[in-house]
Amino acid sequence: MREAVEKARELFLEGLPLSTMVDRRLALDLDLFSRGGLRVLEKIARLNYDVLAARPAISKAERVRLLLGSLARTAFRRAAP
């Protein structure tokens, strides 16, 4: 599981710059998807990679923070041509 999490983390981080290459609406979706995925991976690592014992879920408060952060990043970013 540790190797799968690390590979997924690499892919999410590699994909994050894509949000700067598209229009703002898609950028918001890409940013939220990537950062939400990274947050889940952090939670899996905190569970010592034992996803059968507990579900790595993102709380409502964390979702709001992710959304606000993504909105801020995309709002102040120049739209792609």
N, C-alpha and C. Protein backbone atom coordinates (compact mmCIF):
# COMPACT_ATOMS: atom_id res chain seq x y z
N MET A 1 0.83 -1.19 0.00
CA MET A 1 0.00 0.00 0.00
C MET A 1 0.88 1.26 0.00
N ARG A 2 1.97 1.23 0.72
CA ARG A 2 2.86 2.38 0.80
C ARG A 2 3.36 2.78 -0.60
N GLU A 3 3.73 1.81 -1.40
CA GLU A 3 4.23 2.09 -2.75
C GLU A 3 3.13 2.69 -3.63
N ALA A 4 1.92 2.18 -3.50
CA ALA A 4 0.80 2.69 -4.28
C ALA A 4 0.49 4.13 -3.89
N VAL A 5 0.55 4.43 -2.61
CA VAL A 5 0.29 5.79 -2.13
C VAL A 5 1.37 6.74 -2.66
N GLU A 6 2.62 6.32 -2.60
CA GLU A 6 3.70 7.18 -3.09
C GLU A 6 3.59 7.43 -4.59
N LYS A 7 3.25 6.41 -5.35
CA LYS A 7 3.07 6.58 -6.80
C LYS A 7 1.90 7.52 -7.08
N ALA A 8 0.80 7.34 -6.37
CA ALA A 8 -0.37 8.21 -6.55
C ALA A 8 -0.01 9.65 -6.19
N ARG A 9 0.76 9.84 -5.12
CA ARG A 9 1.18 11.18 -4.70
C ARG A 9 2.00 11.83 -5.82
N GLU A 10 2.94 11.09 -6.39
CA GLU A 10 3.75 11.61 -7.50
C GLU A 10 2.86 12.05 -8.66
N LEU A 11 1.87 11.24 -9.00
CA LEU A 11 0.99 11.56 -10.12
C LEU A 11 0.12 12.79 -9.83
N PHE A 12 -0.41 12.88 -8.61
CA PHE A 12 -1.19 14.07 -8.25
C PHE A 12 -0.33 15.33 -8.32
N LEU A 13 0.89 15.27 -7.79
CA LEU A 13 1.78 16.42 -7.81
C LEU A 13 2.19 16.78 -9.23
N GLU A 14 2.40 15.78 -10.05
CA GLU A 14 2.74 16.01 -11.45
C GLU A 14 1.59 16.68 -12.20
N GLY A 15 0.37 16.33 -11.83
CA GLY A 15 -0.80 16.87 -12.50
C GLY A 15 -1.25 18.24 -12.02
N LEU A 16 -0.82 18.66 -10.85
CA LEU A 16 -1.25 19.96 -10.30
C LEU A 16 -1.02 21.13 -11.26
N PRO A 17 0.11 21.22 -11.93
CA PRO A 17 0.32 22.36 -12.85
C PRO A 17 -0.68 22.43 -14.00
N LEU A 18 -1.37 21.35 -14.28
CA LEU A 18 -2.37 21.38 -15.35
C LEU A 18 -3.45 22.43 -15.08
N SER A 19 -3.73 22.68 -13.82
CA SER A 19 -4.78 23.64 -13.49
C SER A 19 -4.42 25.06 -13.91
N THR A 20 -3.15 25.32 -14.17
CA THR A 20 -2.74 26.65 -14.63
C THR A 20 -2.81 26.76 -16.16
N MET A 21 -3.12 25.66 -16.83
CA MET A 21 -3.12 25.64 -18.30
C MET A 21 -4.51 25.60 -18.92
N VAL A 22 -5.52 25.67 -18.08
CA VAL A 22 -6.90 25.56 -18.58
C VAL A 22 -7.71 26.74 -18.07
N ASP A 23 -8.97 26.86 -18.54
CA ASP A 23 -9.80 27.97 -18.07
C ASP A 23 -10.13 27.78 -16.58
N ARG A 24 -10.58 28.84 -15.97
CA ARG A 24 -10.78 28.85 -14.51
C ARG A 24 -11.77 27.80 -14.02
N ARG A 25 -12.83 27.55 -14.76
CA ARG A 25 -13.83 26.57 -14.30
C ARG A 25 -13.22 25.18 -14.20
N LEU A 26 -12.48 24.79 -15.23
CA LEU A 26 -11.83 23.49 -15.20
C LEU A 26 -10.67 23.50 -14.21
N ALA A 27 -10.00 24.64 -14.09
CA ALA A 27 -8.88 24.75 -13.15
C ALA A 27 -9.35 24.46 -11.72
N LEU A 28 -10.51 24.97 -11.36
CA LEU A 28 -11.05 24.72 -10.02
C LEU A 28 -11.27 23.23 -9.80
N ASP A 29 -11.87 22.56 -10.77
CA ASP A 29 -12.10 21.12 -10.65
C ASP A 29 -10.79 20.35 -10.52
N LEU A 30 -9.82 20.68 -11.36
CA LEU A 30 -8.53 19.99 -11.32
C LEU A 30 -7.81 20.22 -10.00
N ASP A 31 -7.84 21.46 -9.53
CA ASP A 31 -7.17 21.78 -8.28
C ASP A 31 -7.82 21.04 -7.10
N LEU A 32 -9.15 21.07 -7.05
CA LEU A 32 -9.86 20.37 -5.97
C LEU A 32 -9.62 18.87 -6.02
N PHE A 33 -9.69 18.29 -7.21
CA PHE A 33 -9.47 16.86 -7.36
C PHE A 33 -8.08 16.47 -6.87
N SER A 34 -7.08 17.21 -7.31
CA SER A 34 -5.69 16.89 -6.95
C SER A 34 -5.43 17.08 -5.46
N ARG A 35 -5.85 18.20 -4.93
CA ARG A 35 -5.58 18.47 -3.51
C ARG A 35 -6.43 17.58 -2.59
N GLY A 36 -7.63 17.26 -3.02
CA GLY A 36 -8.44 16.30 -2.26
C GLY A 36 -7.80 14.93 -2.26
N GLY A 37 -7.30 14.52 -3.41
CA GLY A 37 -6.61 13.24 -3.51
C GLY A 37 -5.36 13.20 -2.64
N LEU A 38 -4.59 14.28 -2.66
CA LEU A 38 -3.40 14.35 -1.82
C LEU A 38 -3.76 14.28 -0.34
N ARG A 39 -4.87 14.91 0.03
CA ARG A 39 -5.32 14.87 1.44
C ARG A 39 -5.69 13.46 1.85
N VAL A 40 -6.37 12.73 0.97
CA VAL A 40 -6.72 11.34 1.27
C VAL A 40 -5.44 10.51 1.43
N LEU A 41 -4.47 10.74 0.57
CA LEU A 41 -3.21 10.00 0.68
C LEU A 41 -2.51 10.28 2.00
N GLU A 42 -2.56 11.55 2.46
CA GLU A 42 -1.99 11.88 3.78
C GLU A 42 -2.69 11.09 4.88
N LYS A 43 -4.00 11.00 4.78
CA LYS A 43 -4.76 10.28 5.79
C LYS A 43 -4.44 8.78 5.77
N ILE A 44 -4.24 8.24 4.59
CA ILE A 44 -3.86 6.82 4.48
C ILE A 44 -2.51 6.61 5.16
N ALA A 45 -1.57 7.51 4.93
CA ALA A 45 -0.25 7.40 5.57
C ALA A 45 -0.38 7.49 7.10
N ARG A 46 -1.25 8.38 7.59
CA ARG A 46 -1.46 8.51 9.04
C ARG A 46 -2.07 7.25 9.64
N LEU A 47 -2.81 6.51 8.83
CA LEU A 47 -3.40 5.25 9.29
C LEU A 47 -2.40 4.10 9.19
N ASN A 48 -1.15 4.46 8.91
CA ASN A 48 -0.10 3.46 8.72
C ASN A 48 -0.45 2.53 7.57
N TYR A 49 -1.11 3.08 6.57
CA TYR A 49 -1.47 2.39 5.32
C TYR A 49 -2.44 1.23 5.52
N ASP A 50 -3.12 1.20 6.66
CA ASP A 50 -4.09 0.15 6.94
C ASP A 50 -5.50 0.69 6.67
N VAL A 51 -5.90 0.64 5.41
CA VAL A 51 -7.19 1.20 5.01
C VAL A 51 -8.35 0.25 5.31
N LEU A 52 -8.05 -0.95 5.73
CA LEU A 52 -9.11 -1.89 6.09
C LEU A 52 -9.60 -1.66 7.52
N ALA A 53 -8.75 -1.11 8.36
CA ALA A 53 -9.12 -0.86 9.76
C ALA A 53 -9.99 0.38 9.90
N ALA A 54 -9.73 1.39 9.07
CA ALA A 54 -10.47 2.65 9.13
C ALA A 54 -10.50 3.27 7.75
N ARG A 55 -11.56 4.00 7.48
CA ARG A 55 -11.72 4.65 6.18
C ARG A 55 -11.08 6.04 6.22
N PRO A 56 -10.19 6.34 5.28
CA PRO A 56 -9.57 7.67 5.24
C PRO A 56 -10.52 8.69 4.62
N ALA A 57 -11.31 9.35 5.44
CA ALA A 57 -12.33 10.28 4.95
C ALA A 57 -11.93 11.72 5.21
N ILE A 58 -12.40 12.60 4.34
CA ILE A 58 -12.17 14.03 4.50
C ILE A 58 -13.41 14.63 5.17
N SER A 59 -13.19 15.33 6.27
CA SER A 59 -14.31 15.91 7.02
C SER A 59 -14.94 17.08 6.26
N LYS A 60 -16.11 17.50 6.69
CA LYS A 60 -16.78 18.65 6.06
C LYS A 60 -15.93 19.91 6.19
N ALA A 61 -15.33 20.10 7.34
CA ALA A 61 -14.48 21.28 7.54
C ALA A 61 -13.28 21.24 6.60
N GLU A 62 -12.69 20.09 6.43
CA GLU A 62 -11.55 19.97 5.51
C GLU A 62 -12.00 20.22 4.06
N ARG A 63 -13.19 19.76 3.72
CA ARG A 63 -13.72 20.01 2.37
C ARG A 63 -13.89 21.50 2.13
N VAL A 64 -14.41 22.19 3.13
CA VAL A 64 -14.60 23.64 3.00
C VAL A 64 -13.25 24.32 2.82
N ARG A 65 -12.24 23.93 3.62
CA ARG A 65 -10.90 24.52 3.48
C ARG A 65 -10.31 24.24 2.10
N LEU A 66 -10.48 23.01 1.62
CA LEU A 66 -9.98 22.67 0.28
C LEU A 66 -10.66 23.54 -0.78
N LEU A 67 -11.98 23.69 -0.66
CA LEU A 67 -12.72 24.49 -1.63
C LEU A 67 -12.29 25.96 -1.59
N LEU A 68 -12.19 26.52 -0.40
CA LEU A 68 -11.78 27.92 -0.28
C LEU A 68 -10.37 28.14 -0.82
N GLY A 69 -9.48 27.21 -0.54
CA GLY A 69 -8.12 27.32 -1.06
C GLY A 69 -8.09 27.24 -2.58
N SER A 70 -8.85 26.32 -3.14
CA SER A 70 -8.91 26.18 -4.60
C SER A 70 -9.54 27.40 -5.24
N LEU A 71 -10.61 27.92 -4.62
CA LEU A 71 -11.25 29.13 -5.14
C LEU A 71 -10.27 30.30 -5.15
N ALA A 72 -9.52 30.45 -4.07
CA ALA A 72 -8.56 31.54 -3.98
C ALA A 72 -7.47 31.40 -5.04
N ARG A 73 -6.94 30.18 -5.18
CA ARG A 73 -5.88 29.97 -6.17
C ARG A 73 -6.36 30.24 -7.58
N THR A 74 -7.55 29.78 -7.91
CA THR A 74 -8.04 29.95 -9.28
C THR A 74 -8.57 31.36 -9.53
N ALA A 75 -9.08 32.02 -8.53
CA ALA A 75 -9.62 33.37 -8.71
C ALA A 75 -8.51 34.37 -9.04
N PHE A 76 -7.35 34.18 -8.48
CA PHE A 76 -6.26 35.12 -8.68
C PHE A 76 -5.29 34.69 -9.77
N ARG A 77 -5.61 33.62 -10.42
CA ARG A 77 -4.77 33.13 -11.50
C ARG A 77 -5.28 33.69 -12.82
N ARG A 78 -4.39 34.03 -13.69
CA ARG A 78 -4.80 34.53 -15.01
C ARG A 78 -5.41 33.38 -15.81
N ALA A 79 -6.53 33.64 -16.45
CA ALA A 79 -7.21 32.62 -17.25
C ALA A 79 -6.33 32.23 -18.43
N ALA A 80 -6.37 30.94 -18.78
CA ALA A 80 -5.62 30.44 -19.92
C ALA A 80 -6.24 30.95 -21.20
N PRO A 81 -5.42 31.22 -22.22
CA PRO A 81 -5.96 31.73 -23.48
C PRO A 81 -6.80 30.69 -24.20
